[in-house]
Amino acid sequence: MREVAELVVSALNLDTAAADIQPDEPLYGEGLGLDSIDILEIALVLSKRYGLQLRADHEDNTAIFQSLRSLTEHIALQRSK
């Protein structure tokens, strides 16, 4: 989870430390305050880093990018396939 948080902070040049991102804090909107462009950037970085296929039109994107925890769980699930 920490590695994914560090990738998010690095990819978006956030002023927030990776350790300060709470696992269940919303990434989009209120919580961390990311917007749709930020989410696309994260998806690109994660796709390159982990070899995942994260599509903009995926029906589960809202659930996948809900929080750091949901994102890391999705990555772990995809990597185990």
N, C-alpha and C. Protein backbone atom coordinates (compact mmCIF):
# COMPACT_ATOMS: atom_id res chain seq x y z
N MET A 1 0.83 -1.19 0.00
CA MET A 1 0.00 0.00 0.00
C MET A 1 0.88 1.26 0.00
N ARG A 2 1.96 1.20 0.76
CA ARG A 2 2.85 2.36 0.82
C ARG A 2 3.48 2.64 -0.55
N GLU A 3 3.85 1.57 -1.25
CA GLU A 3 4.45 1.73 -2.58
C GLU A 3 3.49 2.42 -3.54
N VAL A 4 2.23 2.04 -3.51
CA VAL A 4 1.22 2.66 -4.38
C VAL A 4 1.02 4.12 -3.97
N ALA A 5 0.98 4.39 -2.68
CA ALA A 5 0.85 5.77 -2.20
C ALA A 5 2.02 6.61 -2.69
N GLU A 6 3.23 6.06 -2.65
CA GLU A 6 4.40 6.78 -3.13
C GLU A 6 4.33 7.05 -4.63
N LEU A 7 3.81 6.09 -5.39
CA LEU A 7 3.63 6.29 -6.83
C LEU A 7 2.63 7.40 -7.11
N VAL A 8 1.55 7.43 -6.34
CA VAL A 8 0.53 8.46 -6.51
C VAL A 8 1.13 9.84 -6.22
N VAL A 9 1.83 9.97 -5.11
CA VAL A 9 2.43 11.25 -4.73
C VAL A 9 3.45 11.68 -5.78
N SER A 10 4.27 10.76 -6.22
CA SER A 10 5.31 11.07 -7.21
C SER A 10 4.70 11.45 -8.56
N ALA A 11 3.74 10.67 -9.02
CA ALA A 11 3.13 10.91 -10.33
C ALA A 11 2.44 12.26 -10.41
N LEU A 12 1.83 12.67 -9.30
CA LEU A 12 1.04 13.90 -9.30
C LEU A 12 1.76 15.08 -8.64
N ASN A 13 2.99 14.84 -8.19
CA ASN A 13 3.76 15.89 -7.49
C ASN A 13 2.95 16.52 -6.36
N LEU A 14 2.34 15.68 -5.55
CA LEU A 14 1.50 16.15 -4.45
C LEU A 14 2.34 16.71 -3.32
N ASP A 15 1.79 17.66 -2.60
CA ASP A 15 2.44 18.24 -1.42
C ASP A 15 2.23 17.34 -0.20
N THR A 16 1.45 16.31 -0.35
CA THR A 16 1.14 15.37 0.73
C THR A 16 2.18 14.26 0.75
N ALA A 17 2.63 13.86 1.92
CA ALA A 17 3.55 12.73 2.04
C ALA A 17 2.76 11.44 1.85
N ALA A 18 3.39 10.45 1.24
CA ALA A 18 2.73 9.17 1.00
C ALA A 18 2.23 8.56 2.31
N ALA A 19 2.99 8.71 3.38
CA ALA A 19 2.61 8.15 4.67
C ALA A 19 1.37 8.83 5.25
N ASP A 20 1.04 10.03 4.77
CA ASP A 20 -0.12 10.76 5.27
C ASP A 20 -1.43 10.39 4.56
N ILE A 21 -1.34 9.61 3.51
CA ILE A 21 -2.55 9.20 2.79
C ILE A 21 -3.18 8.05 3.57
N GLN A 22 -4.37 8.28 4.07
CA GLN A 22 -5.08 7.26 4.85
C GLN A 22 -5.62 6.19 3.91
N PRO A 23 -5.51 4.91 4.27
CA PRO A 23 -5.93 3.81 3.39
C PRO A 23 -7.37 3.90 2.90
N ASP A 24 -8.28 4.40 3.74
CA ASP A 24 -9.70 4.43 3.36
C ASP A 24 -10.20 5.83 3.01
N GLU A 25 -9.31 6.80 2.95
CA GLU A 25 -9.67 8.16 2.56
C GLU A 25 -10.00 8.19 1.06
N PRO A 26 -11.08 8.85 0.69
CA PRO A 26 -11.40 8.93 -0.74
C PRO A 26 -10.27 9.59 -1.53
N LEU A 27 -9.95 9.02 -2.69
CA LEU A 27 -8.93 9.62 -3.55
C LEU A 27 -9.54 10.74 -4.39
N TYR A 28 -10.76 10.50 -4.85
CA TYR A 28 -11.42 11.41 -5.78
C TYR A 28 -12.31 12.40 -5.03
N GLY A 29 -12.33 13.64 -5.48
CA GLY A 29 -13.22 14.63 -4.86
C GLY A 29 -12.76 15.05 -3.49
N GLU A 30 -13.61 14.94 -2.48
CA GLU A 30 -13.27 15.40 -1.13
C GLU A 30 -12.00 14.78 -0.64
N GLY A 31 -11.87 13.86 0.18
CA GLY A 31 -10.64 13.23 0.65
C GLY A 31 -9.33 13.83 0.16
N LEU A 32 -8.66 13.12 -0.74
CA LEU A 32 -7.36 13.57 -1.25
C LEU A 32 -7.52 14.69 -2.27
N GLY A 33 -8.71 14.83 -2.84
CA GLY A 33 -8.99 15.95 -3.73
C GLY A 33 -8.56 15.77 -5.17
N LEU A 34 -8.41 14.53 -5.62
CA LEU A 34 -8.00 14.30 -6.99
C LEU A 34 -9.17 14.50 -7.94
N ASP A 35 -8.85 14.85 -9.19
CA ASP A 35 -9.89 14.98 -10.21
C ASP A 35 -9.69 13.89 -11.26
N SER A 36 -10.52 13.90 -12.29
CA SER A 36 -10.48 12.83 -13.29
C SER A 36 -9.16 12.78 -14.04
N ILE A 37 -8.53 13.92 -14.28
CA ILE A 37 -7.23 13.94 -14.95
C ILE A 37 -6.17 13.29 -14.06
N ASP A 38 -6.23 13.56 -12.76
CA ASP A 38 -5.30 12.93 -11.81
C ASP A 38 -5.47 11.42 -11.82
N ILE A 39 -6.70 10.97 -11.85
CA ILE A 39 -6.98 9.53 -11.85
C ILE A 39 -6.42 8.89 -13.13
N LEU A 40 -6.57 9.56 -14.27
CA LEU A 40 -6.01 9.04 -15.52
C LEU A 40 -4.48 8.95 -15.43
N GLU A 41 -3.86 9.94 -14.85
CA GLU A 41 -2.40 9.93 -14.69
C GLU A 41 -1.97 8.78 -13.80
N ILE A 42 -2.69 8.56 -12.71
CA ILE A 42 -2.38 7.45 -11.81
C ILE A 42 -2.54 6.12 -12.56
N ALA A 43 -3.60 5.99 -13.32
CA ALA A 43 -3.85 4.76 -14.07
C ALA A 43 -2.70 4.48 -15.03
N LEU A 44 -2.19 5.51 -15.69
CA LEU A 44 -1.08 5.36 -16.62
C LEU A 44 0.18 4.89 -15.89
N VAL A 45 0.50 5.52 -14.78
CA VAL A 45 1.69 5.15 -14.01
C VAL A 45 1.57 3.72 -13.50
N LEU A 46 0.40 3.36 -12.98
CA LEU A 46 0.21 2.01 -12.45
C LEU A 46 0.25 0.97 -13.55
N SER A 47 -0.28 1.31 -14.72
CA SER A 47 -0.23 0.39 -15.86
C SER A 47 1.21 0.11 -16.26
N LYS A 48 2.02 1.16 -16.29
CA LYS A 48 3.43 0.98 -16.63
C LYS A 48 4.19 0.20 -15.56
N ARG A 49 3.94 0.54 -14.31
CA ARG A 49 4.68 -0.07 -13.20
C ARG A 49 4.32 -1.53 -12.97
N TYR A 50 3.03 -1.84 -13.04
CA TYR A 50 2.56 -3.18 -12.71
C TYR A 50 2.05 -3.98 -13.90
N GLY A 51 2.06 -3.40 -15.09
CA GLY A 51 1.60 -4.11 -16.27
C GLY A 51 0.11 -4.37 -16.29
N LEU A 52 -0.65 -3.48 -15.66
CA LEU A 52 -2.10 -3.64 -15.58
C LEU A 52 -2.80 -2.98 -16.76
N GLN A 53 -3.98 -3.45 -17.05
CA GLN A 53 -4.84 -2.81 -18.04
C GLN A 53 -5.93 -2.05 -17.29
N LEU A 54 -5.76 -0.75 -17.13
CA LEU A 54 -6.77 0.09 -16.49
C LEU A 54 -7.35 0.99 -17.57
N ARG A 55 -8.59 0.73 -17.94
CA ARG A 55 -9.23 1.48 -19.01
C ARG A 55 -10.13 2.57 -18.45
N ALA A 56 -10.20 3.68 -19.14
CA ALA A 56 -11.03 4.81 -18.71
C ALA A 56 -12.52 4.45 -18.69
N ASP A 57 -12.93 3.50 -19.53
CA ASP A 57 -14.35 3.15 -19.61
C ASP A 57 -14.71 1.91 -18.78
N HIS A 58 -13.80 1.47 -17.93
CA HIS A 58 -14.07 0.28 -17.11
C HIS A 58 -15.20 0.60 -16.13
N GLU A 59 -16.17 -0.29 -16.05
CA GLU A 59 -17.35 -0.05 -15.21
C GLU A 59 -17.05 -0.01 -13.72
N ASP A 60 -15.94 -0.58 -13.29
CA ASP A 60 -15.61 -0.62 -11.86
C ASP A 60 -14.63 0.47 -11.43
N ASN A 61 -14.33 1.43 -12.29
CA ASN A 61 -13.35 2.46 -11.94
C ASN A 61 -13.70 3.22 -10.67
N THR A 62 -14.96 3.51 -10.48
CA THR A 62 -15.36 4.24 -9.26
C THR A 62 -14.97 3.44 -8.02
N ALA A 63 -15.20 2.15 -8.04
CA ALA A 63 -14.85 1.30 -6.90
C ALA A 63 -13.34 1.11 -6.80
N ILE A 64 -12.67 0.93 -7.94
CA ILE A 64 -11.22 0.71 -7.95
C ILE A 64 -10.49 1.91 -7.36
N PHE A 65 -10.87 3.11 -7.79
CA PHE A 65 -10.18 4.33 -7.37
C PHE A 65 -10.85 5.03 -6.18
N GLN A 66 -11.67 4.30 -5.45
CA GLN A 66 -12.36 4.88 -4.29
C GLN A 66 -11.38 5.31 -3.21
N SER A 67 -10.38 4.47 -2.93
CA SER A 67 -9.42 4.76 -1.87
C SER A 67 -8.10 4.08 -2.19
N LEU A 68 -7.10 4.39 -1.41
CA LEU A 68 -5.80 3.73 -1.57
C LEU A 68 -5.94 2.23 -1.34
N ARG A 69 -6.74 1.86 -0.36
CA ARG A 69 -6.95 0.44 -0.07
C ARG A 69 -7.61 -0.28 -1.25
N SER A 70 -8.66 0.30 -1.80
CA SER A 70 -9.35 -0.36 -2.92
C SER A 70 -8.44 -0.45 -4.15
N LEU A 71 -7.62 0.56 -4.35
CA LEU A 71 -6.70 0.56 -5.48
C LEU A 71 -5.63 -0.52 -5.31
N THR A 72 -5.04 -0.63 -4.13
CA THR A 72 -4.01 -1.65 -3.92
C THR A 72 -4.60 -3.05 -3.95
N GLU A 73 -5.82 -3.22 -3.48
CA GLU A 73 -6.48 -4.53 -3.56
C GLU A 73 -6.71 -4.92 -5.01
N HIS A 74 -7.11 -3.95 -5.83
CA HIS A 74 -7.31 -4.23 -7.25
C HIS A 74 -5.99 -4.62 -7.91
N ILE A 75 -4.93 -3.92 -7.60
CA ILE A 75 -3.62 -4.24 -8.17
C ILE A 75 -3.20 -5.65 -7.77
N ALA A 76 -3.36 -5.97 -6.50
CA ALA A 76 -2.99 -7.31 -6.01
C ALA A 76 -3.82 -8.39 -6.71
N LEU A 77 -5.08 -8.16 -6.89
CA LEU A 77 -5.95 -9.11 -7.55
C LEU A 77 -5.54 -9.31 -9.01
N GLN A 78 -5.26 -8.23 -9.71
CA GLN A 78 -4.87 -8.32 -11.11
C GLN A 78 -3.51 -8.99 -11.29
N ARG A 79 -2.61 -8.74 -10.39
CA ARG A 79 -1.27 -9.32 -10.49
C ARG A 79 -1.27 -10.80 -10.16
N SER A 80 -2.27 -11.27 -9.43
CA SER A 80 -2.32 -12.69 -9.07
C SER A 80 -2.97 -13.54 -10.17
N LYS A 81 -3.51 -12.90 -11.19
CA LYS A 81 -4.16 -13.65 -12.28
C LYS A 81 -3.14 -14.17 -13.26
